[in-house]
Each structure stands twice: as C-alpha cells, then as structure tokens.
C-alpha cells in the first residue's frame, strides 16, 4: 500500500524556506499565508515548479489577523486533513539586535502578539503536530514588562504537549549541513490525544555535522561543518556592479553540499549580480581581507578607514571567511550587504542574491520574485532549507510511526 502523502499549512510563510524542506520530504502543501506581495509571488512560482495547479488559491496573500482568515484557509484546504502546521511569526520585536536599536518602540509593536493568530489557526485545524520557528531572542524578550516566552508556551500548550527547555529548543543550523551559523528556537508540539512523546520529535531531528563551537566529545559520528568555500566557491567571478547571471552555467556540483542543493550540468544561473561599492569601501574590503581583520581591527590599525557612521558594534563591515560557515544572514542584507563581504580579495564586493541563497541552502533552481532588495529581504527572513528538511524528516518519521 502506498504511504499517504502528508499535508501541511505554512503560516507566515515568507518566501517558503520552511515549506521547501517539507516539499523535499514529499509533503503536500495545502495553504501558505503571507502578507508580503513579493514573497507570495515567490511562493506561487515555487508551487508551479512542483506542479501545483491551484496556487492562486493556496497562496493566501493577506494579513493573518484579518477576521476571515480561517475561511480563506478552509477554502484552500478544501476539506483535506491537515497533518502539520508550520511557520514562524515575524520576530522583529523579539530580536535582540532590534531591542538594542530600539527597545521602547519594539515593546509596543503589535507584531509581538502575532503568535496568537498562529494559535487560533492551530486550534481550528488541530493537526497532529506543529512546528513553530523563531529567533533565540524570544526566550528573553519582554513585552510591557512581562516575559513573552512563557505566554507563547502557554498559548501553544493548551491543546498540545510541548517542552519549554531551551537546551532542547535552540538549534544551530550549521549542525544540519547549512553553511551558516544561525541559532533558532524550534517549538514542536504533539496534539494531546496522540500517544507520542514530544521529545521523540526532537531526537529525530538528526545533527549530521559539527560546528566551530561543538565540544570535541560531541563531534563523534558527525561531519565537519560546510564552509563558505564549499557553498559559493564554484560561482563565477563578478566585480562590483556587474551581472554574471547566465542561461548556461556549468554547475560542477563537486561537493556534498552542492549535490544536495543542485544538480551537475548546464543550468541557468540566476541573481548573480554584485552591488556597486564606492572606492573607499572597496579599499576597506581589500585591507580587511588581505590582513584577515575584523572591522574593529581595521579601525584600530588604520584609523584612516574609520567610518563616520560606524555603529557601536565592530560589525559594520564583516568579511565571511572561506574556511568557516557564514554568519547569520539577516534581512538587513537588503540595505547594504556590508556584513556579508565576499572573501576573495580580487572581487571586493558583498554577496550576490544567489550567494546569499546558497548560504541559506536554497536550491539553485529556486526563483525569487521582486526587486533585488526584495529578494535579499526574502532570503534573510527565511528558514534555511536543509534545516527545514531535517525538521520535516523527523515529522514524517513520527507520522509514519503513529
């Protein structure tokens, strides 16, 4: 007997990084809810790629707090059983960087309560499992003086068994073969009438790699992290302001990571366009790369390269080194890209959209819609695909075992 195709709804879907992991494990999408127009266009394009016909109905472009949201999702779901709900409410208000910049405004941001819409939809459709993704700042964020994390757990836990143990909830995506240090909170839940220990869901999210911070004793049986060179080293040389996209790039796919996200042979190379940078910035990049310096070292050693708007932090300019995973790709990359400087001294530029997508482990055939800035924003906000796939594998295994 053929195994049933499991189904999911993706809330706060963004451009579909989390969905992509579930597609890769054979899940069927019933609905995506997303407010950003260009992210929705990207979702539709990807559904088309996978052969979906009703993507106009199944990608619900609207505010999730709208009164008729349940009806809209019901319409898309069309009577099918929902096995799992996935998604991550926007996290600006929980992000520690956001709080450093603007604590007062963040505390009163209505987005702090968007998780309530997730809970409302969860309790209506009552899937067997759910996956709720967020930034680690969620664990410490306060709204109007109250810690938000216990409130979120409480709301999600009314009809679902879950764990609130941060040691279990926090995942580093580099441990799953993503070429990026990115720590995220993953709350998974099991509907209370289902005989399944929620901790099993976490046990089955398999760490395949170790990261630069992994203690020696935990490395056994795991592979070394995927570094920046493995992720983007095969892409064509491109100078600031140039476009090296083409219809017939010969993908080598000559390492394990590239084999997972692409296929060898001649395929289009999209979005490999470098931003333009002024002469002074290029000099900064060059000196930092040549000396293997951070921006802080550059400021101290060569004050002539000080920046009048340098932030309090030493990370206004950050080179991503060949032999390490990248730092966390942020939505901020749509503003300037200076935190993602390419490690090649000959190129002197920040990451292209395609390079940022690679660092997030998006497949090479993944098409992002909208302007370049919109594409960067979608990528920065996404869940890395290979990490999403590790979550989907666990969910599928546990659905099979029920």
Protein backbone atom coordinates (compact mmCIF):
# COMPACT_ATOMS: atom_id res chain seq x y z
CA UNK A 1 0.00 0.00 0.00
CA UNK A 2 1.39 3.41 -0.95
CA UNK A 3 2.11 5.65 2.02
CA UNK A 4 -0.30 8.54 2.39
CA UNK A 5 1.04 11.92 1.30
CA UNK A 6 1.18 14.05 4.43
CA UNK A 7 -0.15 17.59 4.30
CA UNK A 8 0.88 20.91 5.78
CA UNK A 9 -0.18 24.55 6.14
CA UNK A 10 2.58 27.17 6.32
CA UNK A 11 1.79 30.33 8.32
CA UNK A 12 3.94 33.47 8.00
CA UNK A 13 5.36 31.53 5.07
CA UNK A 14 7.78 34.18 3.76
CA UNK A 15 9.31 33.01 0.50
CA UNK A 16 8.98 29.37 1.56
CA UNK A 17 12.25 28.16 3.11
CA UNK A 18 10.40 26.05 5.67
CA UNK A 19 7.95 24.81 3.02
CA UNK A 20 10.82 23.82 0.75
CA UNK A 21 12.17 21.45 3.41
CA UNK A 22 8.75 19.80 3.64
CA UNK A 23 8.37 19.63 -0.17
CA UNK A 24 11.72 17.86 -0.29
CA UNK A 25 10.37 15.21 2.08
CA UNK A 26 7.28 14.63 -0.05
CA UNK A 27 4.73 16.63 1.94
CA UNK A 28 1.82 18.26 0.13
CA UNK A 29 1.16 21.98 0.73
CA UNK A 30 -2.48 22.88 1.34
CA UNK A 31 -2.06 26.60 2.05
CA UNK A 32 0.53 29.30 2.65
CA UNK A 33 -0.37 32.50 4.48
CA UNK A 34 1.90 35.50 3.87
CA UNK A 35 1.39 39.29 3.83
CA UNK A 36 4.33 40.36 1.66
CA UNK A 37 3.39 40.54 -2.03
CA UNK A 38 6.77 39.55 -3.47
CA UNK A 39 7.22 36.67 -1.05
CA UNK A 40 3.78 35.46 -2.23
CA UNK A 41 4.88 35.71 -5.85
CA UNK A 42 7.93 33.59 -4.97
CA UNK A 43 5.68 31.02 -3.24
CA UNK A 44 3.43 30.83 -6.33
CA UNK A 45 6.39 30.38 -8.65
CA UNK A 46 7.71 27.56 -6.47
CA UNK A 47 4.31 25.83 -6.29
CA UNK A 48 4.19 25.97 -10.09
CA UNK A 49 7.65 24.39 -10.15
CA UNK A 50 6.29 21.49 -8.09
CA UNK A 51 3.29 21.05 -10.38
CA UNK A 52 0.58 22.59 -8.21
CA UNK A 53 -2.38 23.97 -10.16
CA UNK A 54 -4.39 25.90 -7.55
CA UNK A 55 -1.57 28.11 -6.32
CA UNK A 56 -3.63 31.29 -6.71
CA UNK A 57 -5.99 29.99 -4.03
CA UNK A 58 -3.38 28.14 -1.97
CA UNK A 59 -1.09 31.15 -1.53
CA UNK A 60 -3.18 33.43 0.66
CA UNK A 61 -1.81 36.94 0.38
CA UNK A 62 -3.31 38.73 3.34
CA UNK A 63 -2.93 39.91 6.90
CA UNK A 64 -3.15 36.83 9.14
CA UNK A 65 -5.06 38.86 11.76
CA UNK A 66 -7.95 39.52 9.34
CA UNK A 67 -11.36 38.30 10.51
CA UNK A 68 -11.94 35.91 7.63
CA UNK A 69 -8.55 34.19 7.75
CA UNK A 70 -9.97 30.82 8.83
CA UNK A 71 -12.49 30.87 5.95
CA UNK A 72 -9.74 31.69 3.47
CA UNK A 73 -7.59 28.81 4.69
CA UNK A 74 -10.63 26.47 4.78
CA UNK A 75 -11.29 27.37 1.17
CA UNK A 76 -7.73 26.44 0.18
CA UNK A 77 -7.62 23.27 2.30
CA UNK A 78 -10.83 22.13 0.63
CA UNK A 79 -11.82 19.51 3.19
CA UNK A 80 -8.45 17.75 3.37
CA UNK A 81 -6.98 16.66 6.70
CA UNK A 82 -4.12 18.84 7.90
CA UNK A 83 -1.28 16.73 9.34
CA UNK A 84 1.07 19.50 10.39
CA UNK A 85 1.12 23.29 10.71
CA UNK A 86 4.47 25.02 10.31
CA UNK A 87 5.61 28.62 10.47
CA UNK A 88 7.39 31.38 12.32
CA UNK A 89 5.68 34.63 13.29
CA UNK A 90 7.82 37.69 12.40
CA UNK A 91 10.41 38.21 15.04
CA UNK A 92 11.49 41.85 14.79
CA UNK A 93 10.12 42.51 18.23
CA UNK A 94 11.90 39.51 19.77
CA UNK A 95 15.23 40.04 18.06
CA UNK A 96 18.00 41.13 20.40
CA UNK A 97 19.51 43.34 17.67
CA UNK A 98 16.17 45.10 17.28
CA UNK A 99 15.96 45.69 21.03
CA UNK A 100 19.46 47.14 21.12
CA UNK A 101 18.47 49.59 18.37
CA UNK A 102 15.01 50.49 19.55
CA UNK A 103 13.81 48.89 22.77
CA UNK A 104 10.85 51.17 23.57
CA UNK A 105 9.23 51.01 20.15
CA UNK A 106 9.77 47.24 19.95
CA UNK A 107 7.96 46.65 23.23
CA UNK A 108 4.74 48.21 21.91
CA UNK A 109 4.99 46.61 18.45
CA UNK A 110 1.72 44.78 17.60
CA UNK A 111 3.84 42.08 15.93
CA UNK A 112 4.68 40.84 19.43
CA UNK A 113 1.27 39.19 19.50
CA UNK A 114 1.15 37.66 16.04
CA UNK A 115 1.74 34.24 17.62
CA UNK A 116 -1.90 34.47 18.76
CA UNK A 117 -3.02 34.18 15.12
CA UNK A 118 -0.83 31.07 14.78
CA UNK A 119 -2.52 29.57 17.87
CA UNK A 120 -6.02 30.44 16.62
CA UNK A 121 -5.40 28.66 13.29
CA UNK A 122 -3.66 25.74 15.04
CA UNK A 123 -6.62 25.18 17.36
CA UNK A 124 -9.08 25.37 14.47
CA UNK A 125 -7.37 22.80 12.21
CA UNK A 126 -5.92 20.64 15.02
CA UNK A 127 -3.10 18.96 13.08
CA UNK A 128 -1.27 16.05 14.71
CA UNK A 129 1.97 18.05 15.05
CA UNK A 130 3.09 21.64 14.71
CA UNK A 131 6.47 23.32 14.14
CA UNK A 132 6.90 26.90 15.40
CA UNK A 133 10.15 28.67 14.49
CA UNK A 134 11.57 31.86 15.99
CA UNK A 135 14.71 33.77 16.95
CA UNK A 136 16.52 32.95 20.21
CA UNK A 137 15.58 36.45 21.44
CA UNK A 138 12.10 35.03 22.03
CA UNK A 139 13.48 33.32 25.16
CA UNK A 140 14.34 36.65 26.84
CA UNK A 141 12.02 39.21 25.20
CA UNK A 142 9.72 41.22 27.43
CA UNK A 143 6.53 42.95 26.33
CA UNK A 144 5.13 45.54 28.73
CA UNK A 145 7.43 44.19 31.43
CA UNK A 146 6.31 40.58 31.04
CA UNK A 147 8.42 37.82 29.54
CA UNK A 148 6.76 36.77 26.30
CA UNK A 149 8.17 33.20 26.12
CA UNK A 150 6.01 31.66 28.91
CA UNK A 151 2.96 33.36 27.36
CA UNK A 152 3.75 31.78 23.95
CA UNK A 153 4.30 28.34 25.54
CA UNK A 154 1.10 28.64 27.49
CA UNK A 155 -0.93 29.51 24.41
CA UNK A 156 0.61 26.77 22.23
CA UNK A 157 0.34 24.24 25.07
CA UNK A 158 -3.41 24.38 25.65
CA UNK A 159 -4.13 21.52 23.22
CA UNK A 160 -0.58 20.34 22.52
CA UNK A 161 2.19 18.71 24.54
CA UNK A 162 5.48 20.55 24.20
CA UNK A 163 8.74 21.26 26.03
CA UNK A 164 9.99 24.64 27.24
CA UNK A 165 13.58 23.51 27.82
CA UNK A 166 15.87 25.98 25.96
CA UNK A 167 18.63 23.34 25.70
CA UNK A 168 16.27 21.26 23.56
CA UNK A 169 14.59 24.15 21.71
CA UNK A 170 17.67 26.00 20.41
CA UNK A 171 19.21 24.65 17.20
CA UNK A 172 22.27 25.81 15.26
CA UNK A 173 21.61 25.28 11.54
CA UNK A 174 25.32 24.58 10.89
CA UNK A 175 24.74 21.24 12.66
CA UNK A 176 22.46 20.19 9.80
CA UNK A 177 24.77 20.91 6.88
CA UNK A 178 23.78 24.56 6.36
CA UNK A 179 26.90 26.68 5.64
CA UNK A 180 25.84 29.22 8.25
CA UNK A 181 25.90 29.78 12.00
CA UNK A 182 22.24 30.52 12.69
CA UNK A 183 20.65 29.77 16.04
CA UNK A 184 16.90 29.44 16.17
CA UNK A 185 14.21 28.33 18.60
CA UNK A 186 12.07 25.45 17.36
CA UNK A 187 8.95 24.64 19.37
CA UNK A 188 7.28 21.42 18.26
CA UNK A 189 4.01 20.15 19.61
CA UNK A 190 2.03 16.90 19.70
CA UNK A 191 -1.76 17.04 19.96
CA UNK A 192 -2.73 15.89 23.45
CA UNK A 193 -4.89 12.95 22.33
CA UNK A 194 -1.97 11.44 20.38
CA UNK A 195 0.18 8.85 22.12
CA UNK A 196 3.61 10.25 21.29
CA UNK A 197 6.35 11.77 23.43
CA UNK A 198 7.17 15.21 22.07
CA UNK A 199 10.85 14.67 22.93
CA UNK A 200 10.96 11.97 20.24
CA UNK A 201 10.32 14.66 17.64
CA UNK A 202 13.47 16.45 18.77
CA UNK A 203 15.52 13.24 18.99
CA UNK A 204 14.69 12.54 15.35
CA UNK A 205 15.98 15.93 14.16
CA UNK A 206 19.38 14.46 13.35
CA UNK A 207 22.54 16.51 13.72
CA UNK A 208 24.71 15.47 10.78
CA UNK A 209 27.57 18.00 11.17
CA UNK A 210 29.52 19.71 13.92
CA UNK A 211 30.10 23.47 14.02
CA UNK A 212 33.13 25.53 15.12
CA UNK A 213 31.77 25.70 18.69
CA UNK A 214 30.92 22.00 19.07
CA UNK A 215 32.79 20.40 22.00
CA UNK A 216 35.20 17.58 20.99
CA UNK A 217 33.18 14.87 22.72
CA UNK A 218 30.09 15.69 20.65
CA UNK A 219 31.82 15.55 17.25
CA UNK A 220 31.90 11.77 17.05
CA UNK A 221 29.92 10.39 14.11
CA UNK A 222 29.29 13.87 12.69
CA UNK A 223 30.87 15.55 9.67
CA UNK A 224 32.78 18.80 9.67
CA UNK A 225 30.65 21.92 9.04
CA UNK A 226 30.06 23.16 5.49
CA UNK A 227 32.15 26.28 4.90
CA UNK A 228 31.70 29.32 2.65
CA UNK A 229 34.06 27.93 0.01
CA UNK A 230 32.02 24.74 -0.41
CA UNK A 231 28.84 26.81 -0.62
CA UNK A 232 29.79 29.54 -3.11
CA UNK A 233 33.33 28.83 -4.33
CA UNK A 234 32.14 27.47 -7.69
CA UNK A 235 30.20 30.61 -8.67
CA UNK A 236 31.64 32.87 -11.39
CA UNK A 237 33.90 35.82 -10.60
CA UNK A 238 31.88 39.04 -10.52
CA UNK A 239 33.04 42.60 -9.89
CA UNK A 240 31.04 45.32 -8.10
CA UNK A 241 28.16 46.50 -10.26
CA UNK A 242 28.44 43.56 -12.66
CA UNK A 243 25.93 40.85 -13.57
CA UNK A 244 27.31 37.34 -14.03
CA UNK A 245 23.90 35.64 -14.29
CA UNK A 246 23.56 33.49 -17.41
CA UNK A 247 21.36 30.86 -19.03
CA UNK A 248 24.04 28.21 -19.38
CA UNK A 249 26.21 27.99 -16.30
CA UNK A 250 28.03 24.67 -15.98
CA UNK A 251 27.33 23.60 -12.39
CA UNK A 252 30.10 21.32 -11.13
CA UNK A 253 28.23 20.14 -8.01
CA UNK A 254 31.54 18.71 -6.87
CA UNK A 255 30.93 18.52 -3.14
CA UNK A 256 28.26 17.01 -0.92
CA UNK A 257 26.57 20.33 -0.14
CA UNK A 258 26.23 21.36 -3.80
CA UNK A 259 24.88 17.92 -4.70
CA UNK A 260 22.15 18.42 -2.11
CA UNK A 261 21.02 21.79 -3.48
CA UNK A 262 21.67 21.48 -7.21
CA UNK A 263 22.48 19.05 -9.99
CA UNK A 264 25.59 18.86 -12.15
CA UNK A 265 25.32 20.09 -15.74
CA UNK A 266 24.22 23.16 -17.67
CA UNK A 267 21.50 25.18 -15.93
CA UNK A 268 20.54 28.86 -15.68
CA UNK A 269 22.43 30.85 -13.04
CA UNK A 270 20.06 33.48 -11.65
CA UNK A 271 20.57 36.56 -9.48
CA UNK A 272 24.36 36.55 -9.53
CA UNK A 273 24.54 40.35 -9.65
CA UNK A 274 27.01 42.27 -7.49
CA UNK A 275 26.13 45.56 -5.86
CA UNK A 276 28.22 48.56 -6.73
CA UNK A 277 30.57 49.80 -3.98
CA UNK A 278 32.48 53.07 -3.82
CA UNK A 279 36.28 53.20 -3.98
CA UNK A 280 36.73 53.77 -0.23
CA UNK A 281 34.57 50.76 0.68
CA UNK A 282 36.48 48.58 -1.77
CA UNK A 283 39.71 49.66 -0.10
CA UNK A 284 38.27 48.75 3.30
CA UNK A 285 37.27 45.32 1.98
CA UNK A 286 40.70 44.79 0.46
CA UNK A 287 42.67 45.66 3.61
CA UNK A 288 40.37 43.57 5.82
CA UNK A 289 40.57 40.52 3.53
CA UNK A 290 44.33 40.86 2.98
CA UNK A 291 45.10 41.08 6.71
CA UNK A 292 42.30 38.76 7.80
CA UNK A 293 40.99 41.55 10.03
CA UNK A 294 37.65 42.37 11.58
CA UNK A 295 36.32 45.91 11.15
CA UNK A 296 37.38 46.62 14.74
CA UNK A 297 40.98 45.70 13.89
CA UNK A 298 40.84 47.87 10.76
CA UNK A 299 39.61 50.87 12.81
CA UNK A 300 42.39 50.43 15.36
CA UNK A 301 45.25 49.66 12.97
CA UNK A 302 44.34 52.06 10.17
CA UNK A 303 42.14 54.87 11.51
CA UNK A 304 42.01 56.46 8.04
CA UNK A 305 39.40 53.80 7.24
CA UNK A 306 37.14 54.77 10.14
CA UNK A 307 33.54 55.29 9.06
CA UNK A 308 31.74 58.38 10.36
CA UNK A 309 28.54 56.36 10.73
CA UNK A 310 30.23 53.26 12.15
CA UNK A 311 27.83 51.62 14.52
CA UNK A 312 28.62 50.99 18.14
CA UNK A 313 29.40 47.43 17.09
CA UNK A 314 32.52 46.29 15.27
CA UNK A 315 30.33 44.50 12.73
CA UNK A 316 29.50 47.37 10.37
CA UNK A 317 31.74 45.54 7.87
CA UNK A 318 32.19 41.77 8.12
CA UNK A 319 34.14 39.50 5.80
CA UNK A 320 32.76 35.97 5.57
CA UNK A 321 35.84 33.73 5.52
CA UNK A 322 36.32 30.85 3.07
CA UNK A 323 37.09 28.20 5.69
CA UNK A 324 34.22 28.88 8.11
CA UNK A 325 30.43 28.84 7.91
CA UNK A 326 28.93 32.27 7.20
CA UNK A 327 27.49 34.39 9.99
CA UNK A 328 23.69 34.58 10.21
CA UNK A 329 22.16 36.01 7.03
CA UNK A 330 19.79 38.78 8.14
CA UNK A 331 17.01 40.67 6.37
CA UNK A 332 19.25 43.72 6.89
CA UNK A 333 21.28 42.42 3.91
CA UNK A 334 18.74 44.24 1.69
CA UNK A 335 20.05 47.58 2.98
CA UNK A 336 23.76 47.38 2.14
CA UNK A 337 25.32 43.92 2.38
CA UNK A 338 28.42 45.16 4.27
CA UNK A 339 28.09 42.37 6.85
CA UNK A 340 28.47 39.85 4.03
CA UNK A 341 31.69 40.75 2.24
CA UNK A 342 32.92 38.12 -0.20
CA UNK A 343 36.23 36.58 0.97
CA UNK A 344 38.01 36.88 -2.40
CA UNK A 345 40.48 39.78 -2.42
CA UNK A 346 40.10 40.09 -6.19
CA UNK A 347 36.32 40.67 -6.16
CA UNK A 348 35.91 43.30 -3.39
CA UNK A 349 32.15 43.20 -3.07
CA UNK A 350 29.31 41.92 -0.92
CA UNK A 351 27.34 38.72 -1.55
CA UNK A 352 25.04 38.49 -4.57
CA UNK A 353 21.45 37.31 -4.12
CA UNK A 354 22.43 33.83 -5.37
CA UNK A 355 25.31 33.61 -2.90
CA UNK A 356 23.03 34.64 -0.01
CA UNK A 357 20.53 31.99 -1.21
CA UNK A 358 23.30 29.35 -1.24
CA UNK A 359 24.30 30.28 2.33
CA UNK A 360 20.63 29.70 3.25
CA UNK A 361 20.86 26.35 1.36
CA UNK A 362 18.19 27.24 -1.21
CA UNK A 363 18.34 25.01 -4.29
CA UNK A 364 19.93 26.58 -7.35
CA UNK A 365 16.66 26.31 -9.30
CA UNK A 366 14.78 28.32 -6.67
CA UNK A 367 13.43 31.52 -8.27
CA UNK A 368 12.96 34.63 -6.10
CA UNK A 369 10.49 37.26 -7.35
CA UNK A 370 10.68 41.05 -6.99
CA UNK A 371 13.45 43.65 -6.98
CA UNK A 372 16.95 42.78 -5.81
CA UNK A 373 16.22 44.37 -2.42
CA UNK A 374 13.04 42.30 -2.07
CA UNK A 375 14.95 39.12 -2.90
CA UNK A 376 17.59 39.83 -0.26
CA UNK A 377 14.85 40.51 2.30
CA UNK A 378 13.06 37.23 1.50
CA UNK A 379 16.30 35.26 1.81
CA UNK A 380 17.33 36.95 5.06
CA UNK A 381 13.97 36.17 6.67
CA UNK A 382 13.84 32.54 5.52
CA UNK A 383 14.44 29.30 7.39
CA UNK A 384 17.45 27.57 5.77
CA UNK A 385 16.12 24.81 3.53
CA UNK A 386 18.38 21.96 4.69
CA UNK A 387 17.49 22.69 8.30
CA UNK A 388 13.79 22.72 7.36
CA UNK A 389 14.37 19.36 5.67
CA UNK A 390 15.84 17.93 8.90
CA UNK A 391 12.68 19.04 10.74
CA UNK A 392 10.45 17.58 8.01
CA UNK A 393 12.30 14.23 8.20
CA UNK A 394 11.54 13.98 11.91
CA UNK A 395 7.88 14.95 11.46
CA UNK A 396 7.49 12.39 8.65
CA UNK A 397 9.17 9.61 10.63
CA UNK A 398 6.89 10.24 13.59
CA UNK A 399 3.76 10.42 11.45
CA UNK A 400 4.77 7.08 9.90
CA UNK A 401 5.17 5.56 13.37
CA UNK A 402 1.73 6.54 14.60
